[in-house]
């Protein structure tokens, strides 16, 4: 086993398609066109007869199904006459209007933007403090997590478990994303679903760590206080330069947080570097997990 560089990139072939990422790319591009034209959102709205809030929502990626006419109108106002650029923006608008598999198959279960954002990521760096990362969970472990507190109906638990396993398909693609996970020791020791479930889950982690695109490190309790005591997060990077990196932060019942400002991404990237430096190496982590699995009898 070897550690791969955090900056590993995928090839241009077999790039997964995500309407969520395409819509985000379109929003960023339209904002850049407006800024290059030297216009503010109020002036754009005045020229188009729109409410100023509509331009703001578009640039914040708060629109669900972009219309071709709106995009063409904005390009006209911004003076974008190059036909290649215009067609590229129209293509993004069309792609953004389609539904991802998660919306088609699990609209009743999956909410938020995480699945759409991670589906096209070329690299994901995750830290988990309390649970095994969702992309590495077994069906029984996921089912036990969703069953916690006994506040869900059995049918909902099964649907959520099915959806979680569907998310993991991204790791089985021919050209999968690089996924590196730092897992707090507490998550590995927590009795979720009973000894048999935990033993199988830990063995599964070891098997996944053998893949060329997956790395796992354990952050031991002996480290004490560290840079991410408040909870888990993930840094998502993309192959296309038009798609800036984004940080997903687990907030809990209050909802999830997505950070895109360069300074925020830089802060979490620095924190992740400290976590990796403080954790066991990839090889030592697998050995630790294998030994820990023996204690779940």
Protein backbone atom coordinates (compact mmCIF):
# COMPACT_ATOMS: atom_id res chain seq x y z
CA UNK A 1 0.00 0.00 0.00
CA UNK A 2 1.21 3.52 -0.68
CA UNK A 3 0.04 7.01 0.08
CA UNK A 4 -1.00 8.97 -2.98
CA UNK A 5 -0.60 12.75 -3.21
CA UNK A 6 -3.53 14.87 -2.15
CA UNK A 7 -3.40 16.72 -5.43
CA UNK A 8 -3.99 13.61 -7.56
CA UNK A 9 -6.26 14.41 -10.51
CA UNK A 10 -8.51 12.35 -12.69
CA UNK A 11 -8.18 12.16 -16.44
CA UNK A 12 -10.62 14.04 -18.66
CA UNK A 13 -12.28 10.79 -19.74
CA UNK A 14 -15.26 9.37 -17.92
CA UNK A 15 -15.99 12.55 -15.95
CA UNK A 16 -19.19 11.93 -13.98
CA UNK A 17 -22.11 14.20 -14.78
CA UNK A 18 -23.80 16.27 -12.08
CA UNK A 19 -26.52 18.86 -12.78
CA UNK A 20 -25.70 20.39 -9.38
CA UNK A 21 -22.10 21.12 -10.40
CA UNK A 22 -23.15 22.34 -13.86
CA UNK A 23 -25.62 24.81 -12.31
CA UNK A 24 -22.97 26.04 -9.89
CA UNK A 25 -20.54 26.51 -12.79
CA UNK A 26 -23.17 28.45 -14.74
CA UNK A 27 -23.89 30.74 -11.78
CA UNK A 28 -20.20 31.50 -11.30
CA UNK A 29 -19.71 32.20 -15.01
CA UNK A 30 -22.67 34.60 -15.18
CA UNK A 31 -21.38 36.49 -12.14
CA UNK A 32 -17.96 36.81 -13.78
CA UNK A 33 -19.53 38.07 -17.02
CA UNK A 34 -21.45 40.72 -15.06
CA UNK A 35 -18.34 41.86 -13.20
CA UNK A 36 -16.35 42.02 -16.45
CA UNK A 37 -19.10 44.19 -17.94
CA UNK A 38 -18.80 46.58 -14.99
CA UNK A 39 -22.45 46.24 -14.01
CA UNK A 40 -24.08 45.71 -10.64
CA UNK A 41 -27.09 43.46 -10.09
CA UNK A 42 -29.50 46.40 -9.76
CA UNK A 43 -28.55 47.78 -13.17
CA UNK A 44 -28.83 44.35 -14.77
CA UNK A 45 -32.28 43.87 -13.24
CA UNK A 46 -33.37 47.34 -14.41
CA UNK A 47 -32.36 46.62 -18.00
CA UNK A 48 -34.20 43.30 -18.01
CA UNK A 49 -37.24 44.42 -16.04
CA UNK A 50 -36.47 41.92 -13.27
CA UNK A 51 -36.46 42.19 -9.52
CA UNK A 52 -32.85 42.75 -8.31
CA UNK A 53 -33.19 39.69 -6.10
CA UNK A 54 -33.52 37.49 -9.20
CA UNK A 55 -30.01 38.33 -10.38
CA UNK A 56 -28.68 37.74 -6.87
CA UNK A 57 -30.39 34.34 -6.61
CA UNK A 58 -28.95 33.29 -9.95
CA UNK A 59 -25.42 34.21 -8.95
CA UNK A 60 -25.80 32.51 -5.58
CA UNK A 61 -26.95 29.33 -7.30
CA UNK A 62 -30.34 29.55 -5.67
CA UNK A 63 -32.25 28.68 -8.84
CA UNK A 64 -33.46 25.15 -9.40
CA UNK A 65 -34.08 25.02 -13.15
CA UNK A 66 -32.28 27.74 -15.16
CA UNK A 67 -34.14 28.84 -18.26
CA UNK A 68 -32.42 29.23 -21.61
CA UNK A 69 -34.15 32.58 -22.20
CA UNK A 70 -32.90 34.03 -18.91
CA UNK A 71 -29.33 32.97 -19.68
CA UNK A 72 -29.49 34.42 -23.21
CA UNK A 73 -30.93 37.69 -21.89
CA UNK A 74 -28.11 37.98 -19.35
CA UNK A 75 -25.48 37.27 -21.99
CA UNK A 76 -26.97 40.00 -24.18
CA UNK A 77 -26.82 42.53 -21.34
CA UNK A 78 -23.23 41.53 -20.57
CA UNK A 79 -22.21 41.97 -24.18
CA UNK A 80 -21.15 38.34 -24.65
CA UNK A 81 -21.27 37.98 -28.42
CA UNK A 82 -18.76 35.17 -28.96
CA UNK A 83 -20.90 32.30 -30.22
CA UNK A 84 -18.71 29.60 -28.69
CA UNK A 85 -19.08 31.13 -25.23
CA UNK A 86 -22.81 31.63 -25.66
CA UNK A 87 -23.34 28.04 -26.73
CA UNK A 88 -21.25 26.81 -23.80
CA UNK A 89 -23.47 28.74 -21.36
CA UNK A 90 -26.64 27.49 -23.04
CA UNK A 91 -25.34 23.93 -22.83
CA UNK A 92 -24.70 24.41 -19.11
CA UNK A 93 -28.23 25.69 -18.66
CA UNK A 94 -29.66 22.63 -20.41
CA UNK A 95 -27.51 20.25 -18.36
CA UNK A 96 -28.46 22.08 -15.17
CA UNK A 97 -32.15 21.51 -15.83
CA UNK A 98 -31.86 17.74 -15.84
CA UNK A 99 -32.23 15.61 -12.74
CA UNK A 100 -29.38 13.65 -11.23
CA UNK A 101 -29.92 9.98 -10.38
CA UNK A 102 -30.28 10.93 -6.71
CA UNK A 103 -33.25 13.16 -7.54
CA UNK A 104 -34.82 10.52 -9.75
CA UNK A 105 -34.35 7.56 -7.42
CA UNK A 106 -34.32 9.11 -3.95
CA UNK A 107 -36.17 12.42 -4.14
CA UNK A 108 -38.17 11.42 -1.07
CA UNK A 109 -35.05 10.72 0.99
CA UNK A 110 -32.00 12.68 -0.18
CA UNK A 111 -32.06 16.40 0.53
CA UNK A 112 -29.40 19.06 0.29
CA UNK A 113 -26.68 19.49 -2.30
CA UNK A 114 -23.96 17.18 -0.97
CA UNK A 115 -24.65 14.20 -3.25
CA UNK A 116 -24.72 16.35 -6.36
CA UNK A 117 -21.53 18.17 -5.41
CA UNK A 118 -19.54 15.07 -4.47
CA UNK A 119 -20.68 13.05 -7.50
CA UNK A 120 -18.48 15.05 -9.86
CA UNK A 121 -15.62 15.76 -7.47
CA UNK A 122 -12.19 14.56 -8.56
CA UNK A 123 -10.91 14.52 -4.99
CA UNK A 124 -12.58 14.37 -1.57
CA UNK A 125 -10.76 14.80 1.73
CA UNK A 126 -12.97 14.00 4.70
CA UNK A 127 -12.70 14.06 8.47
CA UNK A 128 -15.18 12.21 10.66
CA UNK A 129 -15.28 12.56 14.43
CA UNK A 130 -18.23 10.39 15.48
CA UNK A 131 -19.08 7.97 12.68
CA UNK A 132 -17.52 6.03 9.83
CA UNK A 133 -17.66 8.22 6.67
CA UNK A 134 -20.84 7.58 4.73
CA UNK A 135 -18.95 6.60 1.57
CA UNK A 136 -17.25 3.79 3.51
CA UNK A 137 -20.19 2.43 5.51
CA UNK A 138 -21.55 -1.09 5.15
CA UNK A 139 -25.28 -1.59 4.74
CA UNK A 140 -25.69 -2.96 8.27
CA UNK A 141 -23.70 -0.13 9.81
CA UNK A 142 -25.67 2.52 7.89
CA UNK A 143 -28.92 0.83 8.88
CA UNK A 144 -27.86 0.89 12.54
CA UNK A 145 -26.97 4.59 12.30
CA UNK A 146 -30.35 5.48 10.83
CA UNK A 147 -32.08 3.32 13.45
CA UNK A 148 -30.47 5.29 16.30
CA UNK A 149 -33.02 6.84 18.64
CA UNK A 150 -35.80 4.76 17.09
CA UNK A 151 -37.48 7.83 15.64
CA UNK A 152 -37.71 6.59 12.03
CA UNK A 153 -40.10 4.20 10.40
CA UNK A 154 -38.56 0.95 9.15
CA UNK A 155 -39.38 1.82 5.56
CA UNK A 156 -37.55 5.14 5.80
CA UNK A 157 -34.53 3.43 7.34
CA UNK A 158 -34.32 1.00 4.43
CA UNK A 159 -34.70 3.79 1.86
CA UNK A 160 -31.95 5.83 3.54
CA UNK A 161 -29.68 2.80 3.64
CA UNK A 162 -30.32 2.11 -0.03
CA UNK A 163 -29.56 5.75 -0.86
CA UNK A 164 -26.32 5.69 1.10
CA UNK A 165 -25.13 2.61 -0.79
CA UNK A 166 -26.09 4.28 -4.06
CA UNK A 167 -23.86 7.24 -3.17
CA UNK A 168 -20.95 4.84 -2.86
CA UNK A 169 -21.21 3.88 -6.53
CA UNK A 170 -18.95 6.82 -7.30
CA UNK A 171 -16.04 4.90 -5.77
CA UNK A 172 -16.68 1.96 -8.13
CA UNK A 173 -16.49 3.93 -11.36
CA UNK A 174 -13.78 3.15 -13.90
CA UNK A 175 -12.15 6.49 -13.11
CA UNK A 176 -13.22 7.15 -9.49
CA UNK A 177 -12.43 10.20 -7.38
CA UNK A 178 -9.56 10.19 -4.94
CA UNK A 179 -11.02 9.75 -1.45
CA UNK A 180 -8.95 10.27 1.69
CA UNK A 181 -10.53 9.89 5.11
CA UNK A 182 -9.19 10.76 8.55
CA UNK A 183 -11.34 9.01 11.14
CA UNK A 184 -11.31 9.77 14.85
CA UNK A 185 -10.61 6.72 16.99
CA UNK A 186 -13.87 7.34 18.85
CA UNK A 187 -15.84 6.54 15.70
CA UNK A 188 -14.05 3.20 15.34
CA UNK A 189 -14.66 2.18 18.94
CA UNK A 190 -18.32 3.18 19.08
CA UNK A 191 -20.62 0.15 19.29
CA UNK A 192 -22.96 0.85 16.38
CA UNK A 193 -25.28 -2.05 15.64
CA UNK A 194 -23.46 -4.51 17.90
CA UNK A 195 -20.15 -6.41 17.75
CA UNK A 196 -20.84 -8.32 14.52
CA UNK A 197 -21.81 -5.15 12.64
CA UNK A 198 -18.75 -3.28 13.89
CA UNK A 199 -16.40 -6.16 13.12
CA UNK A 200 -17.69 -6.36 9.56
CA UNK A 201 -17.49 -2.58 9.22
CA UNK A 202 -13.87 -2.47 10.33
CA UNK A 203 -12.95 -5.29 7.97
CA UNK A 204 -14.68 -3.37 5.20
CA UNK A 205 -12.53 -0.31 5.93
CA UNK A 206 -9.40 -2.42 5.56
CA UNK A 207 -10.60 -3.79 2.22
CA UNK A 208 -11.46 -0.32 0.94
CA UNK A 209 -8.03 0.98 1.98
CA UNK A 210 -6.47 -1.48 -0.48
CA UNK A 211 -7.91 0.44 -3.41
CA UNK A 212 -5.57 2.73 -5.31
CA UNK A 213 -7.86 5.76 -4.91
CA UNK A 214 -8.72 5.42 -1.22
CA UNK A 215 -6.66 6.25 1.85
CA UNK A 216 -7.66 5.94 5.50
CA UNK A 217 -5.91 7.35 8.56
CA UNK A 218 -6.84 6.98 12.23
CA UNK A 219 -6.64 9.95 14.58
CA UNK A 220 -5.95 8.39 17.97
CA UNK A 221 -7.40 9.57 21.28
CA UNK A 222 -3.87 10.09 22.58
CA UNK A 223 -3.54 13.12 20.28
CA UNK A 224 -5.89 15.01 22.59
CA UNK A 225 -7.26 18.35 21.40
CA UNK A 226 -6.89 18.98 17.67
CA UNK A 227 -7.92 21.45 14.97
CA UNK A 228 -11.39 19.98 14.30
CA UNK A 229 -12.93 19.25 17.67
CA UNK A 230 -16.26 20.72 16.61
CA UNK A 231 -17.10 18.03 14.05
CA UNK A 232 -16.60 16.54 10.64
CA UNK A 233 -16.12 18.19 7.29
CA UNK A 234 -15.12 17.40 3.72
CA UNK A 235 -13.12 19.32 1.12
CA UNK A 236 -14.28 18.74 -2.45
CA UNK A 237 -11.98 19.53 -5.37
CA UNK A 238 -12.84 19.36 -9.07
CA UNK A 239 -11.03 18.53 -12.29
CA UNK A 240 -12.45 21.50 -14.18
CA UNK A 241 -10.80 24.82 -13.33
CA UNK A 242 -14.22 26.50 -13.64
CA UNK A 243 -15.41 24.62 -10.55
CA UNK A 244 -13.81 26.09 -7.41
CA UNK A 245 -13.26 23.90 -4.38
CA UNK A 246 -15.94 23.75 -1.73
CA UNK A 247 -16.07 22.70 1.93
CA UNK A 248 -18.98 20.75 3.35
CA UNK A 249 -19.38 21.15 7.11
CA UNK A 250 -21.63 18.92 9.21
CA UNK A 251 -23.80 21.20 11.33
CA UNK A 252 -26.33 18.64 12.53
CA UNK A 253 -30.04 19.26 13.01
CA UNK A 254 -29.57 22.90 11.97
CA UNK A 255 -28.63 21.79 8.46
CA UNK A 256 -25.43 21.51 6.47
CA UNK A 257 -23.02 24.29 5.58
CA UNK A 258 -21.22 24.77 2.25
CA UNK A 259 -18.27 27.18 2.18
CA UNK A 260 -16.83 28.47 -1.09
CA UNK A 261 -14.81 31.57 -0.16
CA UNK A 262 -11.10 30.97 -0.86
CA UNK A 263 -10.15 31.96 2.69
CA UNK A 264 -12.61 29.45 4.17
CA UNK A 265 -11.38 26.66 1.90
CA UNK A 266 -7.78 27.53 2.77
CA UNK A 267 -8.59 27.39 6.49
CA UNK A 268 -10.07 23.90 6.27
CA UNK A 269 -7.33 22.70 3.97
CA UNK A 270 -4.77 23.80 6.55
CA UNK A 271 -6.74 22.08 9.33
CA UNK A 272 -6.87 18.90 7.28
CA UNK A 273 -3.13 19.02 6.82
CA UNK A 274 -2.70 19.12 10.60
CA UNK A 275 -5.12 16.23 11.03
CA UNK A 276 -3.23 14.06 8.55
CA UNK A 277 0.09 14.93 10.15
CA UNK A 278 -1.27 14.03 13.61
CA UNK A 279 -2.93 10.76 12.56
CA UNK A 280 -1.36 7.34 12.12
CA UNK A 281 0.08 6.65 8.69
CA UNK A 282 -2.13 4.84 6.19
CA UNK A 283 -0.33 1.54 6.73
CA UNK A 284 -0.31 1.86 10.52
CA UNK A 285 -3.98 2.80 10.45
CA UNK A 286 -4.95 -0.38 8.63
CA UNK A 287 -2.98 -2.43 11.16
CA UNK A 288 -4.71 -0.59 13.99
CA UNK A 289 -8.16 -1.19 12.49
CA UNK A 290 -7.42 -4.88 11.94
CA UNK A 291 -6.37 -5.27 15.57
CA UNK A 292 -9.38 -3.33 16.82
CA UNK A 293 -11.74 -5.58 14.86
CA UNK A 294 -10.56 -8.54 16.95
CA UNK A 295 -12.02 -6.93 20.07
CA UNK A 296 -15.56 -6.94 18.67
CA UNK A 297 -16.65 -10.47 19.58
